[in-house]
């Protein structure tokens, strides 16, 4: 408990900084860079084109899943790691559940990182040449997706694509 006005001011400044810096990453991801949004849209089209070539249904983009994917990409870019699990141990299902998104019966995730241009082509080709990632891209059960791309301070791109199965309407 602060005992002097100076301590109280220091406490309030510290509290404000903690709120700003530790806000959920998805909240900061709302300020989307138009270039990254264009890459995300193009990636969605590219993945659906691959699925179409294999006679699979298109994946519908869900804004809530985009926010989860974007937050994970921003986290990886900021903390310089690439994994399905955060350093705290949260996996894709944990991150989706924490967002409040529910109603899905199956979930998967592809992540990637590249500093090569054009980045989408590099990522899609990498995913298609990796059996596990290819399985997610071509899984017939998946019918919805969330996509997030972030750029790290070194210029590299971090990608997250979530795949889920939602009840058909």
N, C-alpha and C. Protein backbone atom coordinates (compact mmCIF):
# COMPACT_ATOMS: atom_id res chain seq x y z
N UNK A 1 0.85 -1.19 0.00
CA UNK A 1 0.00 0.00 0.00
C UNK A 1 0.89 1.24 0.00
N UNK A 2 0.66 2.17 -0.96
CA UNK A 2 1.46 3.40 -1.00
C UNK A 2 1.23 4.24 0.25
N UNK A 3 2.33 4.80 0.78
CA UNK A 3 2.22 5.60 2.00
C UNK A 3 2.38 7.10 1.75
N UNK A 4 2.92 7.45 0.58
CA UNK A 4 3.12 8.86 0.27
C UNK A 4 2.50 9.15 -1.10
N UNK A 5 2.26 10.44 -1.39
CA UNK A 5 1.73 10.76 -2.73
C UNK A 5 2.67 10.31 -3.84
N UNK A 6 3.96 10.37 -3.65
CA UNK A 6 4.91 9.91 -4.66
C UNK A 6 4.79 8.41 -4.91
N UNK A 7 4.63 7.65 -3.82
CA UNK A 7 4.44 6.21 -3.97
C UNK A 7 3.12 5.90 -4.68
N UNK A 8 2.08 6.66 -4.34
CA UNK A 8 0.78 6.46 -4.98
C UNK A 8 0.87 6.75 -6.47
N UNK A 9 1.56 7.84 -6.83
CA UNK A 9 1.72 8.18 -8.25
C UNK A 9 2.52 7.09 -8.96
N UNK A 10 3.58 6.62 -8.33
CA UNK A 10 4.38 5.54 -8.92
C UNK A 10 3.56 4.28 -9.10
N UNK A 11 2.72 3.97 -8.12
CA UNK A 11 1.86 2.80 -8.21
C UNK A 11 0.89 2.94 -9.38
N UNK A 12 0.27 4.11 -9.50
CA UNK A 12 -0.71 4.32 -10.58
C UNK A 12 -0.04 4.27 -11.95
N UNK A 13 1.15 4.84 -12.08
CA UNK A 13 1.87 4.77 -13.35
C UNK A 13 2.22 3.33 -13.68
N UNK A 14 2.70 2.59 -12.68
CA UNK A 14 3.02 1.18 -12.88
C UNK A 14 1.80 0.36 -13.27
N UNK A 15 0.68 0.63 -12.62
CA UNK A 15 -0.56 -0.07 -12.94
C UNK A 15 -0.99 0.24 -14.37
N UNK A 16 -0.94 1.51 -14.75
CA UNK A 16 -1.30 1.89 -16.12
C UNK A 16 -0.41 1.18 -17.13
N UNK A 17 0.91 1.18 -16.89
CA UNK A 17 1.83 0.49 -17.81
C UNK A 17 1.51 -1.00 -17.90
N UNK A 18 1.22 -1.62 -16.77
CA UNK A 18 0.89 -3.05 -16.78
C UNK A 18 -0.38 -3.31 -17.60
N UNK A 19 -1.36 -2.45 -17.44
CA UNK A 19 -2.61 -2.63 -18.20
C UNK A 19 -2.36 -2.49 -19.69
N UNK A 20 -1.58 -1.49 -20.08
CA UNK A 20 -1.30 -1.25 -21.50
C UNK A 20 -0.44 -2.36 -22.09
N UNK A 21 0.62 -2.72 -21.38
CA UNK A 21 1.56 -3.69 -21.93
C UNK A 21 1.10 -5.13 -21.82
N UNK A 22 0.28 -5.42 -20.85
CA UNK A 22 -0.14 -6.81 -20.65
C UNK A 22 -1.56 -7.08 -21.11
N UNK A 23 -2.16 -6.13 -21.84
CA UNK A 23 -3.49 -6.38 -22.36
C UNK A 23 -3.44 -7.60 -23.27
N UNK A 24 -4.54 -8.31 -23.44
CA UNK A 24 -4.51 -9.48 -24.32
C UNK A 24 -3.97 -9.12 -25.68
N UNK A 25 -3.15 -10.00 -26.22
CA UNK A 25 -2.53 -9.73 -27.52
C UNK A 25 -3.57 -9.53 -28.60
N UNK A 26 -4.70 -10.20 -28.50
CA UNK A 26 -5.75 -10.04 -29.50
C UNK A 26 -6.29 -8.62 -29.53
N UNK A 27 -6.28 -7.93 -28.39
CA UNK A 27 -6.76 -6.56 -28.37
C UNK A 27 -5.84 -5.66 -29.16
N UNK A 28 -4.52 -5.89 -29.08
CA UNK A 28 -3.59 -5.09 -29.84
C UNK A 28 -3.61 -5.48 -31.31
N UNK A 29 -3.97 -6.70 -31.60
CA UNK A 29 -3.98 -7.17 -32.99
C UNK A 29 -5.11 -6.54 -33.80
N UNK A 30 -6.05 -5.83 -33.11
CA UNK A 30 -7.14 -5.20 -33.83
C UNK A 30 -6.65 -4.08 -34.74
N UNK A 31 -5.50 -3.47 -34.42
CA UNK A 31 -4.95 -2.41 -35.25
C UNK A 31 -4.16 -3.07 -36.38
N UNK A 32 -4.89 -3.60 -37.36
CA UNK A 32 -4.29 -4.40 -38.41
C UNK A 32 -3.59 -3.55 -39.45
N UNK A 33 -2.41 -3.98 -39.81
CA UNK A 33 -1.65 -3.37 -40.90
C UNK A 33 -2.33 -3.79 -42.20
N UNK A 34 -2.68 -2.85 -43.07
CA UNK A 34 -3.36 -3.20 -44.33
C UNK A 34 -2.56 -4.20 -45.18
N UNK A 35 -1.24 -4.11 -45.17
CA UNK A 35 -0.43 -5.05 -45.95
C UNK A 35 -0.56 -6.46 -45.40
N UNK A 36 -0.61 -6.58 -44.07
CA UNK A 36 -0.78 -7.91 -43.46
C UNK A 36 -2.19 -8.43 -43.71
N UNK A 37 -3.18 -7.55 -43.65
CA UNK A 37 -4.56 -7.96 -43.94
C UNK A 37 -4.67 -8.48 -45.37
N UNK A 38 -3.96 -7.84 -46.29
CA UNK A 38 -3.97 -8.31 -47.69
C UNK A 38 -3.31 -9.67 -47.81
N UNK A 39 -2.20 -9.88 -47.09
CA UNK A 39 -1.55 -11.20 -47.09
C UNK A 39 -2.48 -12.27 -46.51
N UNK A 40 -3.18 -11.92 -45.43
CA UNK A 40 -4.11 -12.88 -44.82
C UNK A 40 -5.24 -13.25 -45.78
N UNK A 41 -5.78 -12.26 -46.45
CA UNK A 41 -6.85 -12.51 -47.42
C UNK A 41 -6.35 -13.38 -48.56
N UNK A 42 -5.16 -13.08 -49.05
CA UNK A 42 -4.58 -13.87 -50.14
C UNK A 42 -4.28 -15.30 -49.69
N UNK A 43 -3.82 -15.46 -48.45
CA UNK A 43 -3.56 -16.81 -47.94
C UNK A 43 -4.87 -17.60 -47.88
N UNK A 44 -5.93 -16.97 -47.43
CA UNK A 44 -7.24 -17.63 -47.38
C UNK A 44 -7.63 -18.11 -48.78
N UNK A 45 -7.46 -17.26 -49.78
CA UNK A 45 -7.78 -17.64 -51.16
C UNK A 45 -6.87 -18.77 -51.64
N UNK A 46 -5.58 -18.68 -51.32
CA UNK A 46 -4.63 -19.71 -51.75
C UNK A 46 -4.97 -21.08 -51.16
N UNK A 47 -5.27 -21.10 -49.86
CA UNK A 47 -5.60 -22.37 -49.20
C UNK A 47 -6.90 -22.93 -49.76
N UNK A 48 -7.89 -22.06 -49.98
CA UNK A 48 -9.15 -22.54 -50.56
C UNK A 48 -8.96 -23.03 -51.99
N UNK A 49 -8.04 -22.44 -52.74
CA UNK A 49 -7.75 -22.92 -54.10
C UNK A 49 -7.16 -24.32 -54.05
N UNK A 50 -6.27 -24.57 -53.10
CA UNK A 50 -5.69 -25.90 -52.94
C UNK A 50 -6.79 -26.89 -52.57
N UNK A 51 -7.65 -26.49 -51.64
CA UNK A 51 -8.75 -27.38 -51.23
C UNK A 51 -9.68 -27.66 -52.42
N UNK A 52 -9.95 -26.64 -53.22
CA UNK A 52 -10.82 -26.81 -54.39
C UNK A 52 -10.22 -27.80 -55.38
N UNK A 53 -8.91 -27.74 -55.58
CA UNK A 53 -8.24 -28.68 -56.48
C UNK A 53 -8.42 -30.13 -56.02
N UNK A 54 -8.66 -30.31 -54.72
CA UNK A 54 -8.86 -31.65 -54.15
C UNK A 54 -10.34 -31.92 -53.88
N UNK A 55 -11.21 -31.10 -54.46
CA UNK A 55 -12.67 -31.28 -54.36
C UNK A 55 -13.16 -31.22 -52.92
N UNK A 56 -12.58 -30.31 -52.15
CA UNK A 56 -12.99 -30.11 -50.76
C UNK A 56 -13.72 -28.78 -50.64
N UNK A 57 -14.56 -28.68 -49.61
CA UNK A 57 -15.30 -27.43 -49.40
C UNK A 57 -14.34 -26.31 -49.00
N UNK A 58 -14.75 -25.09 -49.32
CA UNK A 58 -13.96 -23.93 -48.91
C UNK A 58 -14.06 -23.74 -47.40
N UNK A 59 -13.00 -23.18 -46.84
CA UNK A 59 -13.00 -22.82 -45.42
C UNK A 59 -13.56 -21.41 -45.28
N UNK A 60 -14.52 -21.26 -44.39
CA UNK A 60 -15.11 -19.96 -44.12
C UNK A 60 -14.28 -19.27 -43.04
N UNK A 61 -13.89 -18.02 -43.27
CA UNK A 61 -13.14 -17.27 -42.27
C UNK A 61 -14.07 -16.78 -41.17
N UNK A 62 -13.62 -16.95 -39.95
CA UNK A 62 -14.39 -16.53 -38.79
C UNK A 62 -13.58 -15.44 -38.07
N UNK A 63 -14.13 -14.23 -37.92
CA UNK A 63 -13.37 -13.14 -37.30
C UNK A 63 -12.82 -13.47 -35.91
N UNK A 64 -13.60 -14.20 -35.11
CA UNK A 64 -13.12 -14.56 -33.77
C UNK A 64 -11.89 -15.47 -33.84
N UNK A 65 -11.87 -16.36 -34.84
CA UNK A 65 -10.69 -17.22 -35.02
C UNK A 65 -9.52 -16.44 -35.61
N UNK A 66 -9.83 -15.46 -36.47
CA UNK A 66 -8.77 -14.58 -36.97
C UNK A 66 -8.07 -13.88 -35.80
N UNK A 67 -8.85 -13.43 -34.82
CA UNK A 67 -8.27 -12.74 -33.67
C UNK A 67 -7.35 -13.66 -32.87
N UNK A 68 -7.76 -14.91 -32.70
CA UNK A 68 -6.92 -15.89 -31.97
C UNK A 68 -5.64 -16.16 -32.76
N UNK A 69 -5.78 -16.38 -34.06
CA UNK A 69 -4.61 -16.65 -34.90
C UNK A 69 -3.68 -15.45 -34.93
N UNK A 70 -4.24 -14.27 -35.06
CA UNK A 70 -3.44 -13.05 -35.10
C UNK A 70 -2.68 -12.85 -33.79
N UNK A 71 -3.36 -13.07 -32.68
CA UNK A 71 -2.71 -12.92 -31.37
C UNK A 71 -1.53 -13.88 -31.24
N UNK A 72 -1.69 -15.11 -31.72
CA UNK A 72 -0.60 -16.08 -31.63
C UNK A 72 0.57 -15.68 -32.53
N UNK A 73 0.27 -15.23 -33.75
CA UNK A 73 1.33 -14.77 -34.64
C UNK A 73 2.08 -13.58 -34.05
N UNK A 74 1.33 -12.63 -33.49
CA UNK A 74 1.98 -11.47 -32.87
C UNK A 74 2.83 -11.90 -31.68
N UNK A 75 2.35 -12.84 -30.90
CA UNK A 75 3.12 -13.33 -29.75
C UNK A 75 4.42 -13.99 -30.22
N UNK A 76 4.32 -14.84 -31.25
CA UNK A 76 5.53 -15.50 -31.77
C UNK A 76 6.50 -14.47 -32.33
N UNK A 77 6.00 -13.48 -33.06
CA UNK A 77 6.86 -12.46 -33.66
C UNK A 77 7.53 -11.60 -32.59
N UNK A 78 6.79 -11.27 -31.57
CA UNK A 78 7.31 -10.42 -30.51
C UNK A 78 8.33 -11.15 -29.64
N UNK A 79 8.02 -12.42 -29.32
CA UNK A 79 8.91 -13.17 -28.41
C UNK A 79 9.86 -14.11 -29.15
N UNK A 80 9.86 -14.05 -30.47
CA UNK A 80 10.80 -14.80 -31.32
C UNK A 80 10.84 -16.30 -31.02
N UNK A 81 9.69 -16.93 -31.19
CA UNK A 81 9.61 -18.38 -31.13
C UNK A 81 8.63 -18.82 -32.19
N UNK A 82 8.67 -20.09 -32.54
CA UNK A 82 7.68 -20.64 -33.46
C UNK A 82 7.26 -22.00 -32.94
N UNK A 83 6.01 -22.07 -32.52
CA UNK A 83 5.50 -23.30 -31.94
C UNK A 83 3.98 -23.23 -31.89
N UNK A 84 3.36 -24.39 -31.83
CA UNK A 84 1.91 -24.45 -31.62
C UNK A 84 1.58 -24.12 -30.17
N UNK A 85 2.54 -24.31 -29.28
CA UNK A 85 2.35 -24.04 -27.86
C UNK A 85 3.09 -22.76 -27.48
N UNK A 86 2.44 -21.92 -26.68
CA UNK A 86 3.11 -20.73 -26.19
C UNK A 86 4.15 -21.15 -25.16
N UNK A 87 5.08 -20.27 -24.83
CA UNK A 87 6.05 -20.61 -23.78
C UNK A 87 5.37 -20.97 -22.45
N UNK A 88 4.15 -20.49 -22.24
CA UNK A 88 3.41 -20.83 -21.02
C UNK A 88 2.69 -22.17 -21.14
N UNK A 89 2.76 -22.81 -22.31
CA UNK A 89 2.16 -24.13 -22.49
C UNK A 89 0.75 -24.12 -23.06
N UNK A 90 0.25 -22.98 -23.53
CA UNK A 90 -1.10 -22.95 -24.11
C UNK A 90 -1.05 -23.46 -25.54
N UNK A 91 -1.87 -24.47 -25.83
CA UNK A 91 -1.93 -25.03 -27.18
C UNK A 91 -3.07 -24.37 -27.95
N UNK A 92 -3.24 -24.70 -29.23
CA UNK A 92 -4.30 -24.04 -30.02
C UNK A 92 -5.69 -24.15 -29.41
N UNK A 93 -6.05 -25.31 -28.90
CA UNK A 93 -7.38 -25.47 -28.30
C UNK A 93 -7.52 -24.60 -27.06
N UNK A 94 -6.45 -24.52 -26.25
CA UNK A 94 -6.48 -23.65 -25.07
C UNK A 94 -6.70 -22.20 -25.48
N UNK A 95 -5.98 -21.76 -26.52
CA UNK A 95 -6.09 -20.37 -26.96
C UNK A 95 -7.47 -20.07 -27.52
N UNK A 96 -8.03 -21.02 -28.27
CA UNK A 96 -9.39 -20.83 -28.80
C UNK A 96 -10.39 -20.76 -27.64
N UNK A 97 -10.26 -21.68 -26.68
CA UNK A 97 -11.18 -21.70 -25.54
C UNK A 97 -11.09 -20.40 -24.73
N UNK A 98 -9.88 -19.91 -24.52
CA UNK A 98 -9.70 -18.66 -23.76
C UNK A 98 -10.36 -17.47 -24.45
N UNK A 99 -10.49 -17.55 -25.76
CA UNK A 99 -11.11 -16.45 -26.50
C UNK A 99 -12.63 -16.43 -26.32
N UNK A 100 -13.18 -17.53 -25.82
CA UNK A 100 -14.63 -17.63 -25.67
C UNK A 100 -15.32 -18.25 -26.87
N UNK A 101 -14.56 -18.58 -27.90
CA UNK A 101 -15.14 -19.21 -29.09
C UNK A 101 -15.43 -20.67 -28.75
N UNK A 102 -16.64 -21.12 -29.04
CA UNK A 102 -16.97 -22.52 -28.77
C UNK A 102 -17.87 -23.06 -29.86
N UNK A 103 -18.29 -24.30 -29.71
CA UNK A 103 -19.18 -24.92 -30.68
C UNK A 103 -18.46 -25.73 -31.74
N UNK A 104 -17.13 -25.81 -31.66
CA UNK A 104 -16.39 -26.59 -32.65
C UNK A 104 -16.16 -27.99 -32.12
N UNK A 105 -16.06 -28.95 -33.03
CA UNK A 105 -15.85 -30.34 -32.61
C UNK A 105 -14.44 -30.84 -32.89
N UNK A 106 -13.70 -30.13 -33.74
CA UNK A 106 -12.35 -30.55 -34.11
C UNK A 106 -11.56 -29.29 -34.41
N UNK A 107 -10.28 -29.30 -34.04
CA UNK A 107 -9.45 -28.13 -34.31
C UNK A 107 -8.05 -28.57 -34.70
N UNK A 108 -7.42 -27.77 -35.54
CA UNK A 108 -6.03 -27.98 -35.94
C UNK A 108 -5.39 -26.63 -36.18
N UNK A 109 -4.08 -26.65 -36.37
CA UNK A 109 -3.37 -25.39 -36.57
C UNK A 109 -2.12 -25.62 -37.39
N UNK A 110 -1.84 -24.68 -38.28
CA UNK A 110 -0.55 -24.62 -38.98
C UNK A 110 0.12 -23.32 -38.58
N UNK A 111 1.40 -23.38 -38.30
CA UNK A 111 2.19 -22.18 -38.07
C UNK A 111 3.38 -22.21 -39.01
N UNK A 112 3.93 -21.05 -39.27
CA UNK A 112 5.10 -20.97 -40.13
C UNK A 112 5.79 -19.64 -39.96
N UNK A 113 7.02 -19.59 -40.42
CA UNK A 113 7.79 -18.36 -40.37
C UNK A 113 8.66 -18.30 -41.61
N UNK A 114 8.73 -17.12 -42.23
CA UNK A 114 9.57 -16.95 -43.40
C UNK A 114 10.06 -15.51 -43.48
N UNK A 115 11.20 -15.37 -44.10
CA UNK A 115 11.70 -14.03 -44.42
C UNK A 115 11.89 -13.90 -45.93
N UNK A 116 11.42 -14.92 -46.65
CA UNK A 116 11.55 -14.93 -48.11
C UNK A 116 10.33 -14.29 -48.77
N UNK A 117 10.53 -13.75 -49.95
CA UNK A 117 9.43 -13.16 -50.70
C UNK A 117 9.11 -14.04 -51.90
N UNK A 118 7.88 -14.13 -52.32
CA UNK A 118 6.69 -13.67 -51.60
C UNK A 118 6.37 -14.62 -50.45
N UNK A 119 6.05 -14.09 -49.29
CA UNK A 119 5.91 -14.95 -48.10
C UNK A 119 4.80 -15.98 -48.19
N UNK A 120 3.64 -15.62 -48.77
CA UNK A 120 2.54 -16.60 -48.83
C UNK A 120 2.93 -17.83 -49.63
N UNK A 121 3.60 -17.62 -50.76
CA UNK A 121 3.98 -18.78 -51.58
C UNK A 121 4.93 -19.70 -50.80
N UNK A 122 5.87 -19.10 -50.11
CA UNK A 122 6.82 -19.87 -49.30
C UNK A 122 6.09 -20.68 -48.22
N UNK A 123 5.16 -20.04 -47.53
CA UNK A 123 4.42 -20.71 -46.45
C UNK A 123 3.53 -21.82 -47.00
N UNK A 124 2.74 -21.52 -48.03
CA UNK A 124 1.82 -22.54 -48.57
C UNK A 124 2.62 -23.74 -49.09
N UNK A 125 3.69 -23.49 -49.83
CA UNK A 125 4.51 -24.60 -50.34
C UNK A 125 5.12 -25.41 -49.20
N UNK A 126 5.57 -24.72 -48.16
CA UNK A 126 6.11 -25.42 -47.00
C UNK A 126 5.06 -26.30 -46.33
N UNK A 127 3.87 -25.76 -46.16
CA UNK A 127 2.80 -26.55 -45.55
C UNK A 127 2.43 -27.75 -46.41
N UNK A 128 2.39 -27.56 -47.72
CA UNK A 128 1.99 -28.67 -48.60
C UNK A 128 3.07 -29.75 -48.68
N UNK A 129 4.31 -29.40 -48.41
CA UNK A 129 5.39 -30.39 -48.43
C UNK A 129 5.63 -31.04 -47.07
N UNK A 130 4.91 -30.62 -46.06
CA UNK A 130 4.98 -31.22 -44.72
C UNK A 130 3.74 -32.07 -44.52
N UNK A 131 3.89 -33.38 -44.32
CA UNK A 131 2.70 -34.24 -44.21
C UNK A 131 1.68 -33.79 -43.16
N UNK A 132 2.13 -33.38 -41.99
CA UNK A 132 1.20 -32.98 -40.94
C UNK A 132 0.47 -31.70 -41.32
N UNK A 133 1.19 -30.72 -41.86
CA UNK A 133 0.56 -29.47 -42.26
C UNK A 133 -0.38 -29.69 -43.45
N UNK A 134 0.05 -30.51 -44.38
CA UNK A 134 -0.78 -30.83 -45.54
C UNK A 134 -2.09 -31.49 -45.09
N UNK A 135 -1.99 -32.38 -44.11
CA UNK A 135 -3.21 -33.02 -43.58
C UNK A 135 -4.21 -31.99 -43.07
N UNK A 136 -3.73 -30.93 -42.41
CA UNK A 136 -4.64 -29.89 -41.94
C UNK A 136 -5.26 -29.13 -43.12
N UNK A 137 -4.43 -28.75 -44.08
CA UNK A 137 -4.95 -28.01 -45.25
C UNK A 137 -6.03 -28.82 -45.97
N UNK A 138 -5.81 -30.13 -46.07
CA UNK A 138 -6.70 -30.98 -46.86
C UNK A 138 -7.67 -31.83 -46.03
N UNK A 139 -7.81 -31.53 -44.77
CA UNK A 139 -8.74 -32.31 -43.93
C UNK A 139 -10.18 -32.03 -44.35
N UNK A 140 -10.90 -33.06 -44.81
CA UNK A 140 -12.28 -32.84 -45.26
C UNK A 140 -13.20 -32.33 -44.15
N UNK A 141 -12.91 -32.68 -42.90
CA UNK A 141 -13.80 -32.29 -41.80
C UNK A 141 -13.77 -30.80 -41.50
N UNK A 142 -12.66 -30.13 -41.78
CA UNK A 142 -12.57 -28.71 -41.45
C UNK A 142 -13.43 -27.88 -42.41
N UNK A 143 -14.17 -26.92 -41.82
CA UNK A 143 -15.02 -26.07 -42.64
C UNK A 143 -14.91 -24.59 -42.30
N UNK A 144 -14.05 -24.24 -41.34
CA UNK A 144 -13.87 -22.84 -40.96
C UNK A 144 -12.41 -22.62 -40.58
N UNK A 145 -12.01 -21.35 -40.64
CA UNK A 145 -10.61 -21.04 -40.38
C UNK A 145 -10.47 -19.66 -39.76
N UNK A 146 -9.30 -19.44 -39.19
CA UNK A 146 -8.87 -18.13 -38.72
C UNK A 146 -7.43 -17.95 -39.14
N UNK A 147 -7.09 -16.78 -39.62
CA UNK A 147 -5.75 -16.54 -40.15
C UNK A 147 -5.17 -15.28 -39.51
N UNK A 148 -3.91 -15.38 -39.10
CA UNK A 148 -3.21 -14.22 -38.56
C UNK A 148 -1.76 -14.22 -39.01
N UNK A 149 -1.30 -13.08 -39.49
CA UNK A 149 0.09 -12.92 -39.92
C UNK A 149 0.66 -11.71 -39.19
N UNK A 150 1.86 -11.85 -38.66
CA UNK A 150 2.54 -10.73 -37.98
C UNK A 150 3.94 -10.61 -38.54
N UNK A 151 4.46 -9.40 -38.48
CA UNK A 151 5.82 -9.16 -38.94
C UNK A 151 6.69 -8.83 -37.73
N UNK A 152 7.79 -9.56 -37.59
CA UNK A 152 8.72 -9.34 -36.48
C UNK A 152 9.62 -8.13 -36.77
N UNK A 153 10.32 -7.69 -35.76
CA UNK A 153 11.20 -6.53 -35.91
C UNK A 153 12.32 -6.77 -36.92
N UNK A 154 12.68 -8.04 -37.14
CA UNK A 154 13.73 -8.36 -38.12
C UNK A 154 13.18 -8.49 -39.55
N UNK A 155 11.86 -8.27 -39.72
CA UNK A 155 11.25 -8.31 -41.04
C UNK A 155 10.65 -9.66 -41.40
N UNK A 156 10.86 -10.69 -40.60
CA UNK A 156 10.30 -12.00 -40.92
C UNK A 156 8.80 -12.02 -40.59
N UNK A 157 8.09 -12.90 -41.30
CA UNK A 157 6.64 -13.04 -41.14
C UNK A 157 6.35 -14.30 -40.34
N UNK A 158 5.44 -14.19 -39.38
CA UNK A 158 4.96 -15.32 -38.59
C UNK A 158 3.50 -15.57 -38.96
N UNK A 159 3.20 -16.80 -39.29
CA UNK A 159 1.87 -17.19 -39.77
C UNK A 159 1.21 -18.16 -38.79
N UNK A 160 -0.08 -17.98 -38.60
CA UNK A 160 -0.91 -18.94 -37.87
C UNK A 160 -2.20 -19.10 -38.66
N UNK A 161 -2.56 -20.35 -38.95
CA UNK A 161 -3.87 -20.64 -39.52
C UNK A 161 -4.52 -21.71 -38.66
N UNK A 162 -5.66 -21.35 -38.10
CA UNK A 162 -6.47 -22.28 -37.32
C UNK A 162 -7.50 -22.92 -38.24
N UNK A 163 -7.79 -24.18 -37.98
CA UNK A 163 -8.80 -24.93 -38.73
C UNK A 163 -9.77 -25.52 -37.71
N UNK A 164 -11.06 -25.38 -37.95
CA UNK A 164 -12.04 -25.97 -37.05
C UNK A 164 -13.18 -26.60 -37.84
N UNK A 165 -13.86 -27.48 -37.15
CA UNK A 165 -15.09 -28.07 -37.68
C UNK A 165 -16.24 -27.51 -36.85
N UNK A 166 -17.14 -26.83 -37.55
CA UNK A 166 -18.35 -26.29 -36.92
C UNK A 166 -19.55 -27.07 -37.44
N UNK A 167 -20.63 -27.11 -36.66
CA UNK A 167 -21.84 -27.78 -37.16
C UNK A 167 -22.29 -27.13 -38.45
N UNK A 168 -22.70 -27.93 -39.38
CA UNK A 168 -23.19 -27.41 -40.66
C UNK A 168 -24.59 -26.85 -40.48
N UNK A 169 -24.81 -25.73 -41.15
CA UNK A 169 -26.15 -25.09 -41.03
C UNK A 169 -26.92 -25.31 -42.28
